[in-house]
Amino acid sequence: MSTYKTMVAAVLMIFFVVSATGAADTAVQAAGQDYTIGPGDVLEISVWKEEALTKLVTVLPDGKIAFPLIGEAMASGWTVAQLKKEIETRLARYVPDPVLSVHVHQMNSLMIYVVGKVNRPGRFELNTNIDVLQALALAGGLNSFAKRSQIKVFRKKDGKTKILDFDYDDVSEGKNLEQNIQLVRGDSVVVP
């Protein structure tokens, strides 16, 4: 009987390990062809039947990657599909009709910041899309000194900063739900 229990326990343990690994990879698998690449992301680039052209590359802070035969290429700000097309074009001089695949191996560039009067301020790495209310929950919620109706979201785009208002009480009561915007890479939520 104890052998049976040991086998059942082992099977369950394997199931949970495989399930947990699969759940962690779900976000990376969801990063499909329209995912916008950012600095810190790790990409798996491979050319079929060309072992020397299969690499894991990290997008550098300047937004570039380095890959054999093509040298440096801009990756940050491009979708996976755009980068794939660019690499295929540049590789075609050396590899006739390359069969190329580009996948996001690890997303490291989806970061938001929650600062001010929250219980756990800081930088949060995302593996899914979240809104302001969810970001505040990640930060442990508002502390008792927070000015709940004066929360701001700072969003940089094209060198300019846009400030968006968020009233915690209104949104939590189902009012002005349009304030509960989806956050994007680099947003800062400030709780005065």
Protein backbone atom coordinates (compact mmCIF):
# COMPACT_ATOMS: atom_id res chain seq x y z
CA MET A 1 0.00 0.00 0.00
CA SER A 2 2.82 2.45 0.80
CA THR A 3 4.35 1.83 -2.65
CA TYR A 4 1.04 2.83 -4.22
CA LYS A 5 0.90 6.04 -2.14
CA THR A 6 4.51 6.84 -3.07
CA MET A 7 3.73 6.39 -6.76
CA VAL A 8 0.61 8.56 -6.52
CA ALA A 9 2.58 11.25 -4.66
CA ALA A 10 5.34 11.14 -7.29
CA VAL A 11 2.85 11.43 -10.15
CA LEU A 12 1.10 14.35 -8.45
CA MET A 13 4.43 16.09 -7.80
CA ILE A 14 5.44 15.72 -11.46
CA PHE A 15 2.02 17.03 -12.54
CA PHE A 16 2.34 20.12 -10.33
CA VAL A 17 5.91 20.85 -11.46
CA VAL A 18 4.91 20.55 -15.13
CA SER A 19 1.80 22.69 -14.53
CA ALA A 20 3.77 25.40 -12.74
CA THR A 21 6.39 25.48 -15.50
CA GLY A 22 3.66 25.73 -18.11
CA ALA A 23 1.96 28.60 -16.26
CA ALA A 24 5.23 30.55 -16.10
CA ASP A 25 5.73 30.09 -19.83
CA THR A 26 2.16 31.13 -20.71
CA ALA A 27 3.03 34.83 -20.74
CA VAL A 28 6.01 34.25 -23.03
CA GLN A 29 3.90 32.10 -25.35
CA ALA A 30 1.28 34.86 -25.39
CA ALA A 31 3.96 37.27 -26.63
CA GLY A 32 3.12 36.62 -30.22
CA GLN A 33 3.96 38.40 -33.42
CA ASP A 34 2.46 41.76 -32.27
CA TYR A 35 4.44 41.91 -29.02
CA THR A 36 6.55 45.08 -28.98
CA ILE A 37 10.12 44.22 -28.06
CA GLY A 38 11.90 46.27 -25.40
CA PRO A 39 15.33 46.52 -23.75
CA GLY A 40 16.11 43.53 -21.56
CA ASP A 41 13.90 41.09 -23.47
CA VAL A 42 15.56 37.81 -24.42
CA LEU A 43 14.82 36.58 -27.94
CA GLU A 44 15.34 33.16 -29.42
CA ILE A 45 16.34 33.51 -33.07
CA SER A 46 16.95 30.45 -35.20
CA VAL A 47 17.47 29.62 -38.85
CA TRP A 48 16.29 26.15 -39.77
CA LYS A 49 19.15 23.73 -40.58
CA GLU A 50 21.76 26.35 -39.59
CA GLU A 51 22.96 25.43 -36.09
CA ALA A 52 25.41 28.36 -35.98
CA LEU A 53 22.48 30.71 -36.56
CA THR A 54 20.47 29.64 -33.51
CA LYS A 55 20.98 32.06 -30.64
CA LEU A 56 19.45 33.52 -27.53
CA VAL A 57 20.02 37.27 -27.72
CA THR A 58 19.31 39.97 -25.17
CA VAL A 59 18.03 43.35 -26.31
CA LEU A 60 20.58 45.86 -25.05
CA PRO A 61 19.65 49.15 -23.31
CA ASP A 62 20.17 50.98 -26.61
CA GLY A 63 17.51 48.72 -28.16
CA LYS A 64 19.87 46.72 -30.38
CA ILE A 65 20.71 43.05 -30.70
CA ALA A 66 23.72 41.37 -32.27
CA PHE A 67 23.30 38.32 -34.49
CA PRO A 68 25.79 36.38 -36.63
CA LEU A 69 26.26 37.57 -40.22
CA ILE A 70 24.05 40.64 -39.84
CA GLY A 71 25.82 42.31 -36.93
CA GLU A 72 23.74 44.78 -34.96
CA ALA A 73 20.05 45.34 -35.59
CA MET A 74 17.52 47.58 -33.91
CA ALA A 75 14.92 45.50 -32.04
CA SER A 76 13.38 47.74 -29.38
CA GLY A 77 10.11 49.29 -30.47
CA TRP A 78 9.61 46.71 -33.20
CA THR A 79 7.13 43.87 -33.14
CA VAL A 80 8.40 40.30 -33.34
CA ALA A 81 7.04 40.06 -36.90
CA GLN A 82 8.86 43.26 -37.99
CA LEU A 83 12.16 42.09 -36.52
CA LYS A 84 11.78 38.68 -38.18
CA LYS A 85 11.24 40.32 -41.57
CA GLU A 86 14.27 42.60 -41.07
CA ILE A 87 16.56 39.71 -40.11
CA GLU A 88 15.29 37.59 -43.02
CA THR A 89 16.05 40.43 -45.44
CA ARG A 90 19.55 40.94 -44.05
CA LEU A 91 20.32 37.21 -43.89
CA ALA A 92 19.18 36.56 -47.48
CA ARG A 93 22.58 37.78 -48.75
CA TYR A 94 24.27 34.89 -46.92
CA VAL A 95 21.60 32.20 -46.57
CA PRO A 96 19.33 31.62 -49.57
CA ASP A 97 15.65 31.51 -48.58
CA PRO A 98 16.24 31.41 -44.81
CA VAL A 99 13.53 29.76 -42.73
CA LEU A 100 13.70 31.98 -39.67
CA SER A 101 11.88 31.91 -36.38
CA VAL A 102 11.93 34.67 -33.78
CA HIS A 103 10.36 34.06 -30.38
CA VAL A 104 10.32 35.98 -27.13
CA HIS A 105 12.13 33.67 -24.74
CA GLN A 106 11.82 35.97 -21.73
CA MET A 107 9.98 39.26 -21.27
CA ASN A 108 12.02 41.62 -19.10
CA SER A 109 11.01 44.99 -20.48
CA LEU A 110 7.40 45.15 -19.32
CA MET A 111 7.91 47.19 -16.16
CA ILE A 112 5.72 49.65 -14.37
CA TYR A 113 6.41 51.67 -11.25
CA VAL A 114 4.11 52.35 -8.30
CA VAL A 115 5.40 54.97 -5.89
CA GLY A 116 4.11 57.05 -3.02
CA LYS A 117 1.69 56.08 -0.28
CA VAL A 118 1.23 52.39 -1.03
CA ASN A 119 2.27 49.49 1.17
CA ARG A 120 4.95 48.09 -1.18
CA PRO A 121 6.16 50.77 -3.60
CA GLY A 122 8.54 49.75 -6.33
CA ARG A 123 9.18 48.49 -9.82
CA PHE A 124 6.98 45.64 -11.01
CA GLU A 125 7.82 43.32 -13.88
CA LEU A 126 4.69 42.31 -15.73
CA ASN A 127 3.90 39.13 -17.56
CA THR A 128 0.39 40.18 -18.52
CA ASN A 129 -1.59 43.34 -19.19
CA ILE A 130 -2.87 45.07 -16.05
CA ASP A 131 -4.84 48.19 -15.22
CA VAL A 132 -4.29 50.83 -12.53
CA LEU A 133 -6.40 49.07 -9.91
CA GLN A 134 -4.45 45.84 -10.42
CA ALA A 135 -1.15 47.74 -10.18
CA LEU A 136 -2.22 49.21 -6.85
CA ALA A 137 -3.05 45.70 -5.66
CA LEU A 138 0.44 44.53 -6.72
CA ALA A 139 1.85 47.33 -4.60
CA GLY A 140 -0.03 46.04 -1.56
CA GLY A 141 -2.85 48.58 -1.74
CA LEU A 142 -3.06 52.15 -0.56
CA ASN A 143 -1.83 53.01 2.92
CA SER A 144 -4.00 54.99 5.32
CA PHE A 145 -2.34 58.32 4.40
CA ALA A 146 -2.95 58.07 0.64
CA LYS A 147 -4.91 60.81 -1.10
CA ARG A 148 -7.21 58.37 -2.84
CA SER A 149 -8.74 60.85 -5.28
CA GLN A 150 -5.44 62.38 -6.43
CA ILE A 151 -3.62 59.37 -7.91
CA LYS A 152 -1.79 60.08 -11.18
CA VAL A 153 -0.45 57.89 -13.96
CA PHE A 154 2.60 59.31 -15.73
CA ARG A 155 3.04 58.00 -19.27
CA LYS A 156 5.96 58.93 -21.51
CA LYS A 157 5.45 58.82 -25.25
CA ASP A 158 7.52 60.40 -28.00
CA GLY A 159 9.60 62.35 -25.48
CA LYS A 160 6.57 63.90 -23.77
CA THR A 161 4.94 62.98 -20.47
CA LYS A 162 1.17 62.72 -20.24
CA ILE A 163 -0.47 62.78 -16.80
CA LEU A 164 -3.70 60.82 -16.35
CA ASP A 165 -5.96 61.14 -13.30
CA PHE A 166 -7.22 58.18 -11.28
CA ASP A 167 -9.76 58.47 -8.45
CA TYR A 168 -9.59 55.27 -6.43
CA ASP A 169 -12.93 55.78 -4.67
CA ASP A 170 -14.83 56.52 -7.89
CA VAL A 171 -13.41 53.50 -9.72
CA SER A 172 -13.92 51.12 -6.78
CA GLU A 173 -17.58 52.29 -6.62
CA GLY A 174 -18.05 51.64 -10.34
CA LYS A 175 -17.94 55.30 -11.41
CA ASN A 176 -15.60 56.81 -14.02
CA LEU A 177 -14.30 53.38 -14.97
CA GLU A 178 -12.55 54.88 -18.00
CA GLN A 179 -9.91 56.11 -15.51
CA ASN A 180 -8.90 52.51 -14.84
CA ILE A 181 -6.70 52.39 -17.93
CA GLN A 182 -4.51 49.54 -19.03
CA LEU A 183 -0.91 50.30 -18.13
CA VAL A 184 1.88 50.14 -20.66
CA ARG A 185 5.63 49.63 -20.44
CA GLY A 186 7.26 52.34 -18.34
CA ASP A 187 4.11 53.84 -16.76
CA SER A 188 4.48 55.28 -13.27
CA VAL A 189 1.55 55.31 -10.85
CA VAL A 190 2.01 58.03 -8.22
CA VAL A 191 -0.04 57.94 -5.03
CA PRO A 192 0.33 61.23 -3.10
